[in-house]
Amino acid sequence: MFEGEKTLVFWFGLIILGLASVGLFGILWMMAVWNGYLDSFTMFKQAVPVIVGGVVFILIGLYMMKSGVKKKED
């Protein structure tokens, strides 16, 4: 899928993908282990924008990686 010459767009997409993945994992991990003053449902309601944003940025990063590869012409 990512065979060919990697351009600058590919590398920026990889950085966006990595940062979004770490952020999404962090919020999901915090929701799983948090024993604070909020119950699980309230915490999930507050984390929905961050989760949706993380998924959107993962998709953007994947698209940038896909479009940032120059195919070899035969």
Protein backbone atom coordinates (compact mmCIF):
# COMPACT_ATOMS: atom_id res chain seq x y z
CA MET A 1 0.00 0.00 0.00
CA PHE A 2 2.84 2.42 0.82
CA GLU A 3 5.36 1.22 -1.74
CA GLY A 4 7.17 3.88 -3.70
CA GLU A 5 8.97 7.13 -2.94
CA LYS A 6 7.76 8.78 0.27
CA THR A 7 7.19 12.52 -0.04
CA LEU A 8 6.95 15.19 2.64
CA VAL A 9 3.16 14.76 2.72
CA PHE A 10 3.65 11.10 3.68
CA TRP A 11 5.89 12.00 6.62
CA PHE A 12 3.55 14.72 7.88
CA GLY A 13 0.69 12.24 7.63
CA LEU A 14 2.72 9.73 9.63
CA ILE A 15 3.34 12.33 12.35
CA ILE A 16 -0.37 13.25 12.47
CA LEU A 17 -1.30 9.56 12.63
CA GLY A 18 1.15 8.90 15.45
CA LEU A 19 0.09 11.88 17.54
CA ALA A 20 -3.62 11.15 17.06
CA SER A 21 -3.08 7.49 17.99
CA VAL A 22 -1.23 8.41 21.18
CA GLY A 23 -3.89 10.98 22.12
CA LEU A 24 -6.75 8.56 21.44
CA PHE A 25 -5.06 5.79 23.41
CA GLY A 26 -4.41 8.19 26.27
CA ILE A 27 -8.02 9.29 26.59
CA LEU A 28 -9.31 5.71 26.31
CA TRP A 29 -6.79 4.50 28.90
CA MET A 30 -7.73 7.33 31.27
CA MET A 31 -11.40 6.43 30.91
CA ALA A 32 -10.61 2.77 31.67
CA VAL A 33 -8.56 3.31 34.84
CA TRP A 34 -9.85 6.60 36.29
CA ASN A 35 -11.24 6.29 39.79
CA GLY A 36 -11.95 9.98 40.36
CA TYR A 37 -15.02 11.93 41.20
CA LEU A 38 -16.86 11.27 37.89
CA ASP A 39 -18.79 8.13 37.07
CA SER A 40 -17.94 6.26 33.86
CA PHE A 41 -20.89 7.50 31.81
CA THR A 42 -20.27 11.17 32.62
CA MET A 43 -16.60 10.77 31.78
CA PHE A 44 -17.51 9.10 28.46
CA LYS A 45 -19.91 11.94 27.59
CA GLN A 46 -17.14 14.47 28.19
CA ALA A 47 -14.58 12.46 26.19
CA VAL A 48 -16.71 11.99 23.04
CA PRO A 49 -15.34 15.11 21.24
CA VAL A 50 -11.76 14.02 21.92
CA ILE A 51 -12.46 10.48 20.73
CA VAL A 52 -14.18 11.66 17.55
CA GLY A 53 -11.38 14.16 16.90
CA GLY A 54 -8.77 11.43 17.38
CA VAL A 55 -10.52 9.14 14.90
CA VAL A 56 -10.85 11.98 12.37
CA PHE A 57 -7.16 12.85 12.64
CA ILE A 58 -6.22 9.17 12.27
CA LEU A 59 -8.21 9.05 9.03
CA ILE A 60 -6.62 12.31 7.83
CA GLY A 61 -3.16 10.96 8.60
CA LEU A 62 -3.85 7.72 6.75
CA TYR A 63 -5.15 9.64 3.73
CA MET A 64 -2.08 11.88 3.73
CA MET A 65 0.18 8.83 3.93
CA LYS A 66 -1.67 7.19 1.04
CA SER A 67 -1.56 10.26 -1.17
CA GLY A 68 2.04 11.09 -0.20
CA VAL A 69 3.57 8.09 -1.98
CA LYS A 70 4.80 8.55 -5.53
CA LYS A 71 4.13 5.47 -7.63
CA LYS A 72 6.89 4.16 -9.85
CA GLU A 73 6.02 4.56 -13.50
CA ASP A 74 6.64 1.48 -15.63
